[in-house]
Amino acid sequence: MRLLLFTLWRAIAAALLAVLLTRVDTFVEERHSDSVTGRAWRAYRRRGKNEVRRGTPPNAGGAIDTSGRPRP
């Protein structure tokens, strides 16, 4: 019973923390979007994320061989 209550308490605390951080993020975006604070907040949020680069990579045309023969 203690394990169940402890797990439930942790889940509730995690949900409340997620809601709080979402509210803080929305507040900073709305009130400080153009200021130094807003730019710093966006930089902090983006840290550690590997962004997906979209589009064709350089020299992609040279990498595709559609003729079915090996390159000389």
N, C-alpha and C. Protein backbone atom coordinates (compact mmCIF):
# COMPACT_ATOMS: atom_id res chain seq x y z
N MET A 1 0.82 -1.19 0.00
CA MET A 1 0.00 0.00 0.00
C MET A 1 0.87 1.26 0.00
N ARG A 2 1.97 1.22 0.76
CA ARG A 2 2.86 2.39 0.79
C ARG A 2 3.48 2.65 -0.57
N LEU A 3 3.86 1.58 -1.25
CA LEU A 3 4.46 1.73 -2.58
C LEU A 3 3.47 2.36 -3.55
N LEU A 4 2.24 1.95 -3.49
CA LEU A 4 1.21 2.51 -4.36
C LEU A 4 1.00 4.00 -4.07
N LEU A 5 0.92 4.36 -2.80
CA LEU A 5 0.73 5.77 -2.44
C LEU A 5 1.94 6.61 -2.84
N PHE A 6 3.14 6.06 -2.64
CA PHE A 6 4.35 6.79 -3.00
C PHE A 6 4.40 7.02 -4.52
N THR A 7 4.05 6.00 -5.29
CA THR A 7 4.04 6.12 -6.75
C THR A 7 2.98 7.11 -7.21
N LEU A 8 1.82 7.07 -6.60
CA LEU A 8 0.76 8.01 -6.94
C LEU A 8 1.17 9.44 -6.61
N TRP A 9 1.80 9.64 -5.46
CA TRP A 9 2.27 10.97 -5.06
C TRP A 9 3.30 11.50 -6.05
N ARG A 10 4.22 10.64 -6.48
CA ARG A 10 5.24 11.07 -7.46
C ARG A 10 4.60 11.44 -8.78
N ALA A 11 3.60 10.69 -9.22
CA ALA A 11 2.93 11.00 -10.48
C ALA A 11 2.18 12.33 -10.40
N ILE A 12 1.52 12.57 -9.29
CA ILE A 12 0.80 13.84 -9.10
C ILE A 12 1.78 15.00 -9.06
N ALA A 13 2.89 14.83 -8.36
CA ALA A 13 3.90 15.90 -8.28
C ALA A 13 4.50 16.18 -9.65
N ALA A 14 4.76 15.15 -10.44
CA ALA A 14 5.31 15.34 -11.78
C ALA A 14 4.31 16.07 -12.69
N ALA A 15 3.05 15.73 -12.57
CA ALA A 15 2.02 16.39 -13.38
C ALA A 15 1.91 17.87 -13.00
N LEU A 16 1.93 18.17 -11.72
CA LEU A 16 1.85 19.57 -11.28
C LEU A 16 3.07 20.36 -11.73
N LEU A 17 4.24 19.76 -11.67
CA LEU A 17 5.45 20.43 -12.12
C LEU A 17 5.39 20.69 -13.62
N ALA A 18 4.89 19.74 -14.39
CA ALA A 18 4.76 19.94 -15.84
C ALA A 18 3.79 21.08 -16.15
N VAL A 19 2.69 21.16 -15.44
CA VAL A 19 1.73 22.24 -15.65
C VAL A 19 2.37 23.59 -15.28
N LEU A 20 3.08 23.63 -14.18
CA LEU A 20 3.74 24.86 -13.75
C LEU A 20 4.77 25.33 -14.77
N LEU A 21 5.60 24.42 -15.26
CA LEU A 21 6.61 24.81 -16.24
C LEU A 21 5.99 25.24 -17.57
N THR A 22 4.88 24.64 -17.94
CA THR A 22 4.18 25.06 -19.15
C THR A 22 3.64 26.47 -18.99
N ARG A 23 3.11 26.77 -17.82
CA ARG A 23 2.60 28.13 -17.56
C ARG A 23 3.72 29.15 -17.58
N VAL A 24 4.86 28.81 -16.99
CA VAL A 24 6.00 29.72 -16.99
C VAL A 24 6.46 29.97 -18.42
N ASP A 25 6.55 28.92 -19.22
CA ASP A 25 6.98 29.05 -20.60
C ASP A 25 6.03 29.94 -21.38
N THR A 26 4.74 29.75 -21.21
CA THR A 26 3.75 30.58 -21.90
C THR A 26 3.84 32.03 -21.45
N PHE A 27 4.02 32.26 -20.17
CA PHE A 27 4.13 33.62 -19.64
C PHE A 27 5.35 34.34 -20.23
N VAL A 28 6.49 33.66 -20.25
CA VAL A 28 7.70 34.30 -20.79
C VAL A 28 7.54 34.58 -22.27
N GLU A 29 6.95 33.66 -23.01
CA GLU A 29 6.75 33.88 -24.44
C GLU A 29 5.81 35.05 -24.70
N GLU A 30 4.76 35.18 -23.92
CA GLU A 30 3.79 36.26 -24.14
C GLU A 30 4.32 37.62 -23.72
N ARG A 31 4.94 37.69 -22.57
CA ARG A 31 5.34 38.99 -22.01
C ARG A 31 6.72 39.45 -22.45
N HIS A 32 7.62 38.52 -22.70
CA HIS A 32 9.02 38.90 -22.94
C HIS A 32 9.54 38.33 -24.25
N SER A 33 8.72 38.25 -25.26
CA SER A 33 9.14 37.60 -26.50
C SER A 33 10.24 38.36 -27.22
N ASP A 34 10.24 39.68 -27.17
CA ASP A 34 11.23 40.47 -27.90
C ASP A 34 12.37 40.97 -27.02
N SER A 35 12.31 40.74 -25.74
CA SER A 35 13.35 41.26 -24.85
C SER A 35 14.50 40.26 -24.71
N VAL A 36 15.52 40.67 -24.00
CA VAL A 36 16.67 39.81 -23.74
C VAL A 36 16.23 38.58 -22.94
N THR A 37 15.30 38.78 -22.03
CA THR A 37 14.81 37.66 -21.22
C THR A 37 14.17 36.59 -22.09
N GLY A 38 13.37 37.00 -23.06
CA GLY A 38 12.72 36.05 -23.96
C GLY A 38 13.71 35.30 -24.82
N ARG A 39 14.72 36.02 -25.34
CA ARG A 39 15.73 35.36 -26.16
C ARG A 39 16.55 34.39 -25.34
N ALA A 40 16.88 34.77 -24.11
CA ALA A 40 17.64 33.87 -23.24
C ALA A 40 16.81 32.63 -22.89
N TRP A 41 15.52 32.82 -22.65
CA TRP A 41 14.65 31.69 -22.33
C TRP A 41 14.56 30.71 -23.49
N ARG A 42 14.42 31.25 -24.72
CA ARG A 42 14.36 30.37 -25.90
C ARG A 42 15.68 29.63 -26.09
N ALA A 43 16.79 30.30 -25.86
CA ALA A 43 18.09 29.63 -25.98
C ALA A 43 18.23 28.53 -24.93
N TYR A 44 17.74 28.78 -23.72
CA TYR A 44 17.79 27.77 -22.66
C TYR A 44 16.93 26.57 -23.01
N ARG A 45 15.76 26.80 -23.58
CA ARG A 45 14.88 25.70 -23.95
C ARG A 45 15.47 24.86 -25.06
N ARG A 46 16.19 25.49 -26.00
CA ARG A 46 16.72 24.76 -27.15
C ARG A 46 18.01 24.01 -26.84
N ARG A 47 18.63 24.25 -25.71
CA ARG A 47 19.93 23.63 -25.45
C ARG A 47 19.79 22.11 -25.37
N GLY A 48 20.75 21.44 -25.95
CA GLY A 48 20.77 19.99 -25.91
C GLY A 48 19.89 19.29 -26.91
N LYS A 49 19.16 20.03 -27.70
CA LYS A 49 18.29 19.41 -28.70
C LYS A 49 19.03 19.33 -30.03
N ASN A 50 18.97 18.18 -30.63
CA ASN A 50 19.52 18.04 -31.98
C ASN A 50 18.41 18.34 -32.97
N GLU A 51 18.57 19.45 -33.63
CA GLU A 51 17.53 19.87 -34.56
C GLU A 51 17.66 19.09 -35.86
N VAL A 52 16.55 18.75 -36.44
CA VAL A 52 16.53 18.03 -37.70
C VAL A 52 16.73 19.03 -38.82
N ARG A 53 17.69 18.75 -39.67
CA ARG A 53 17.92 19.63 -40.81
C ARG A 53 17.11 19.08 -41.98
N ARG A 54 16.31 19.92 -42.55
CA ARG A 54 15.45 19.50 -43.64
C ARG A 54 16.07 19.91 -44.97
N GLY A 55 15.69 19.20 -45.99
CA GLY A 55 16.15 19.54 -47.32
C GLY A 55 17.18 18.53 -47.82
N THR A 56 17.62 18.76 -49.03
CA THR A 56 18.58 17.88 -49.67
C THR A 56 19.99 18.21 -49.19
N PRO A 57 20.75 17.20 -48.80
CA PRO A 57 22.12 17.48 -48.38
C PRO A 57 22.99 17.90 -49.56
N PRO A 58 24.10 18.57 -49.30
CA PRO A 58 24.96 18.97 -50.40
C PRO A 58 25.50 17.73 -51.13
N ASN A 59 25.67 17.83 -52.42
CA ASN A 59 26.19 16.76 -53.27
C ASN A 59 25.29 15.52 -53.25
N ALA A 60 24.01 15.68 -53.05
CA ALA A 60 23.10 14.54 -53.04
C ALA A 60 22.93 13.97 -54.43
N GLY A 61 23.02 14.80 -55.46
CA GLY A 61 22.89 14.31 -56.82
C GLY A 61 24.02 13.38 -57.21
N GLY A 62 25.22 13.64 -56.67
CA GLY A 62 26.36 12.78 -56.97
C GLY A 62 26.33 11.47 -56.19
N ALA A 63 25.53 11.39 -55.17
CA ALA A 63 25.48 10.19 -54.34
C ALA A 63 24.48 9.17 -54.86
N ILE A 64 23.58 9.58 -55.74
CA ILE A 64 22.54 8.69 -56.22
C ILE A 64 22.93 8.17 -57.60
N ASP A 65 23.01 6.87 -57.73
CA ASP A 65 23.32 6.25 -59.01
C ASP A 65 22.11 5.43 -59.43
N THR A 66 21.38 5.91 -60.42
CA THR A 66 20.16 5.24 -60.83
C THR A 66 20.33 4.37 -62.05
N SER A 67 21.52 4.36 -62.63
CA SER A 67 21.71 3.59 -63.86
C SER A 67 21.92 2.10 -63.58
N GLY A 68 22.26 1.72 -62.39
CA GLY A 68 22.47 0.32 -62.06
C GLY A 68 23.87 -0.17 -62.38
N ARG A 69 24.75 0.69 -62.86
CA ARG A 69 26.12 0.30 -63.15
C ARG A 69 27.07 0.96 -62.15
N PRO A 70 28.16 0.29 -61.80
CA PRO A 70 29.12 0.92 -60.88
C PRO A 70 29.80 2.12 -61.52
N ARG A 71 30.21 3.02 -60.71
CA ARG A 71 30.92 4.22 -61.19
C ARG A 71 32.32 3.83 -61.66
N PRO A 72 32.79 4.51 -62.68
CA PRO A 72 34.16 4.18 -63.15
C PRO A 72 35.22 4.66 -62.19
